[in-house]
Structure formats: structure tokens, C-alpha cells
Amino acid sequence: MLEILSLIRQDGDPKWCRSVPNWDRGPWLETLLGYRRARGNPRPRIISSHLPVQMFPKAFFGSKAKV
């Protein structure tokens, strides 16, 4: 899924996917390092998570984020 989203974000150009590691393109939200990386990434951000949906903040569900 990360590869597909990365390609969509770059209009199908695979250069970014080949040159940027997965953890930089779609950092895990549940780790401190991943959270910091995600905040530093340009918008639109790709964020990965293994958290159950019950642990997401309520504000997330009112946002324009795509899941």
C-alpha cells in the first residue's frame, strides 16, 4: 500500500520510491521517531500505523484524512 500511495503522491514517478526509504516516506505514527518524521514530511503526508482504530484521537475522525 505504501508503494502505491507513494507513486500516486509523485504522479507515477518511481524515482522518489527508489531513493527514499519506506520509514521516511510513511513513518509509523506510534513511535516517537516516526511521529517526528511524519510531522517533518511535506503535505500531503503518508503515515503508517498498526494502532487499533479505538486508539486514534477523536479529532482524527472529524478531519479530512484519508484512511
N, C-alpha and C. Protein backbone atom coordinates (compact mmCIF):
# COMPACT_ATOMS: atom_id res chain seq x y z
N MET A 1 0.82 -1.18 0.00
CA MET A 1 0.00 0.00 0.00
C MET A 1 0.87 1.25 0.00
N LEU A 2 1.97 1.20 0.75
CA LEU A 2 2.86 2.36 0.81
C LEU A 2 3.45 2.67 -0.56
N GLU A 3 3.80 1.64 -1.31
CA GLU A 3 4.34 1.86 -2.65
C GLU A 3 3.30 2.51 -3.56
N ILE A 4 2.08 2.04 -3.49
CA ILE A 4 1.01 2.59 -4.33
C ILE A 4 0.76 4.04 -3.98
N LEU A 5 0.64 4.34 -2.69
CA LEU A 5 0.40 5.72 -2.26
C LEU A 5 1.57 6.63 -2.62
N SER A 6 2.77 6.11 -2.51
CA SER A 6 3.95 6.90 -2.87
C SER A 6 3.94 7.25 -4.35
N LEU A 7 3.58 6.28 -5.18
CA LEU A 7 3.51 6.54 -6.61
C LEU A 7 2.40 7.54 -6.95
N ILE A 8 1.26 7.42 -6.29
CA ILE A 8 0.18 8.38 -6.51
C ILE A 8 0.63 9.78 -6.12
N ARG A 9 1.30 9.88 -4.98
CA ARG A 9 1.75 11.19 -4.49
C ARG A 9 2.74 11.84 -5.46
N GLN A 10 3.54 11.03 -6.16
CA GLN A 10 4.55 11.55 -7.07
C GLN A 10 4.10 11.47 -8.53
N ASP A 11 2.81 11.36 -8.77
CA ASP A 11 2.24 11.29 -10.13
C ASP A 11 2.84 10.17 -10.96
N GLY A 12 3.09 9.02 -10.32
CA GLY A 12 3.58 7.84 -11.03
C GLY A 12 5.07 7.77 -11.25
N ASP A 13 5.81 8.77 -10.78
CA ASP A 13 7.26 8.79 -10.97
C ASP A 13 7.92 7.93 -9.89
N PRO A 14 8.59 6.82 -10.25
CA PRO A 14 9.16 5.91 -9.26
C PRO A 14 10.48 6.37 -8.64
N LYS A 15 11.06 7.49 -9.09
CA LYS A 15 12.35 7.94 -8.56
C LYS A 15 12.31 8.13 -7.05
N TRP A 16 11.25 8.77 -6.56
CA TRP A 16 11.13 9.03 -5.12
C TRP A 16 11.04 7.72 -4.33
N CYS A 17 10.26 6.77 -4.85
CA CYS A 17 10.11 5.47 -4.18
C CYS A 17 11.45 4.71 -4.11
N ARG A 18 12.25 4.86 -5.14
CA ARG A 18 13.54 4.17 -5.18
C ARG A 18 14.60 4.85 -4.33
N SER A 19 14.47 6.14 -4.13
CA SER A 19 15.54 6.87 -3.44
C SER A 19 15.25 7.17 -1.97
N VAL A 20 14.00 7.10 -1.54
CA VAL A 20 13.65 7.41 -0.15
C VAL A 20 13.19 6.12 0.53
N PRO A 21 13.78 5.75 1.68
CA PRO A 21 13.38 4.51 2.37
C PRO A 21 11.93 4.57 2.85
N ASN A 22 11.35 3.39 3.03
CA ASN A 22 9.96 3.29 3.49
C ASN A 22 9.70 4.07 4.77
N TRP A 23 10.62 3.99 5.73
CA TRP A 23 10.38 4.63 7.03
C TRP A 23 10.39 6.16 6.93
N ASP A 24 10.96 6.71 5.86
CA ASP A 24 10.89 8.16 5.65
C ASP A 24 9.64 8.56 4.87
N ARG A 25 9.20 7.70 3.95
CA ARG A 25 8.01 8.01 3.16
C ARG A 25 6.74 7.84 3.96
N GLY A 26 6.65 6.80 4.77
CA GLY A 26 5.45 6.51 5.55
C GLY A 26 5.80 6.08 6.95
N PRO A 27 6.30 7.00 7.79
CA PRO A 27 6.72 6.62 9.14
C PRO A 27 5.56 6.13 10.00
N TRP A 28 5.89 5.28 10.97
CA TRP A 28 4.88 4.75 11.89
C TRP A 28 4.52 5.82 12.91
N LEU A 29 3.26 6.07 13.04
CA LEU A 29 2.76 7.09 13.95
C LEU A 29 2.98 6.72 15.41
N GLU A 30 2.97 5.43 15.73
CA GLU A 30 3.03 5.02 17.14
C GLU A 30 4.43 5.07 17.77
N THR A 31 5.45 5.41 16.99
CA THR A 31 6.79 5.57 17.56
C THR A 31 7.14 7.05 17.62
N LEU A 32 7.94 7.44 18.58
CA LEU A 32 8.32 8.84 18.72
C LEU A 32 9.11 9.31 17.51
N LEU A 33 10.04 8.50 17.06
CA LEU A 33 10.82 8.85 15.87
C LEU A 33 9.91 8.97 14.65
N GLY A 34 8.99 8.03 14.50
CA GLY A 34 8.05 8.08 13.37
C GLY A 34 7.16 9.30 13.43
N TYR A 35 6.70 9.65 14.62
CA TYR A 35 5.86 10.84 14.79
C TYR A 35 6.62 12.10 14.38
N ARG A 36 7.87 12.19 14.80
CA ARG A 36 8.68 13.36 14.45
C ARG A 36 8.94 13.42 12.95
N ARG A 37 9.21 12.27 12.36
CA ARG A 37 9.43 12.24 10.91
C ARG A 37 8.16 12.64 10.16
N ALA A 38 7.04 12.13 10.61
CA ALA A 38 5.76 12.44 9.96
C ALA A 38 5.47 13.93 10.01
N ARG A 39 5.73 14.55 11.16
CA ARG A 39 5.49 15.99 11.31
C ARG A 39 6.39 16.80 10.38
N GLY A 40 7.58 16.28 10.09
CA GLY A 40 8.51 17.00 9.24
C GLY A 40 8.31 16.77 7.75
N ASN A 41 7.53 15.76 7.39
CA ASN A 41 7.29 15.47 5.98
C ASN A 41 6.35 16.51 5.37
N PRO A 42 6.57 16.84 4.10
CA PRO A 42 5.67 17.80 3.44
C PRO A 42 4.28 17.20 3.22
N ARG A 43 3.30 18.05 3.14
CA ARG A 43 1.93 17.61 2.91
C ARG A 43 1.72 17.35 1.43
N PRO A 44 0.90 16.45 1.04
CA PRO A 44 0.13 15.52 1.86
C PRO A 44 1.03 14.43 2.41
N ARG A 45 0.88 14.14 3.67
CA ARG A 45 1.73 13.16 4.36
C ARG A 45 1.18 11.76 4.20
N ILE A 46 2.09 10.81 4.15
CA ILE A 46 1.74 9.39 4.21
C ILE A 46 2.20 8.91 5.57
N ILE A 47 1.28 8.38 6.35
CA ILE A 47 1.61 7.92 7.70
C ILE A 47 1.12 6.48 7.85
N SER A 48 1.98 5.63 8.39
CA SER A 48 1.63 4.23 8.64
C SER A 48 1.31 4.06 10.12
N SER A 49 0.45 3.09 10.41
CA SER A 49 0.14 2.80 11.81
C SER A 49 -0.39 1.38 11.94
N HIS A 50 -0.11 0.77 13.07
CA HIS A 50 -0.67 -0.52 13.41
C HIS A 50 -1.58 -0.41 14.63
N LEU A 51 -1.93 0.82 14.99
CA LEU A 51 -2.81 1.03 16.13
C LEU A 51 -4.24 0.61 15.79
N PRO A 52 -4.96 0.05 16.77
CA PRO A 52 -6.37 -0.22 16.53
C PRO A 52 -7.13 1.10 16.42
N VAL A 53 -8.20 1.09 15.67
CA VAL A 53 -8.95 2.31 15.41
C VAL A 53 -9.45 2.97 16.69
N GLN A 54 -9.66 2.21 17.75
CA GLN A 54 -10.14 2.76 19.02
C GLN A 54 -9.11 3.67 19.68
N MET A 55 -7.84 3.54 19.31
CA MET A 55 -6.79 4.34 19.94
C MET A 55 -6.49 5.63 19.20
N PHE A 56 -7.12 5.85 18.06
CA PHE A 56 -6.92 7.11 17.34
C PHE A 56 -7.68 8.22 18.05
N PRO A 57 -7.15 9.43 18.04
CA PRO A 57 -7.86 10.54 18.69
C PRO A 57 -9.17 10.83 17.98
N LYS A 58 -10.15 11.29 18.72
CA LYS A 58 -11.47 11.59 18.15
C LYS A 58 -11.38 12.65 17.05
N ALA A 59 -10.44 13.58 17.18
CA ALA A 59 -10.28 14.63 16.17
C ALA A 59 -9.92 14.05 14.80
N PHE A 60 -9.29 12.89 14.79
CA PHE A 60 -8.91 12.25 13.53
C PHE A 60 -10.13 11.97 12.67
N PHE A 61 -11.20 11.53 13.29
CA PHE A 61 -12.39 11.13 12.54
C PHE A 61 -13.17 12.32 11.99
N GLY A 62 -12.92 13.49 12.52
CA GLY A 62 -13.54 14.70 12.01
C GLY A 62 -12.66 15.43 11.01
N SER A 63 -11.47 14.90 10.75
CA SER A 63 -10.53 15.55 9.84
C SER A 63 -10.77 15.12 8.40
N LYS A 64 -9.98 15.66 7.49
CA LYS A 64 -10.08 15.30 6.08
C LYS A 64 -9.09 14.20 5.71
N ALA A 65 -8.52 13.53 6.71
CA ALA A 65 -7.54 12.47 6.46
C ALA A 65 -8.19 11.31 5.72
N LYS A 66 -7.43 10.71 4.84
CA LYS A 66 -7.90 9.52 4.09
C LYS A 66 -7.32 8.29 4.78
N VAL A 67 -8.14 7.27 4.90
CA VAL A 67 -7.72 6.04 5.58
C VAL A 67 -7.86 4.87 4.62
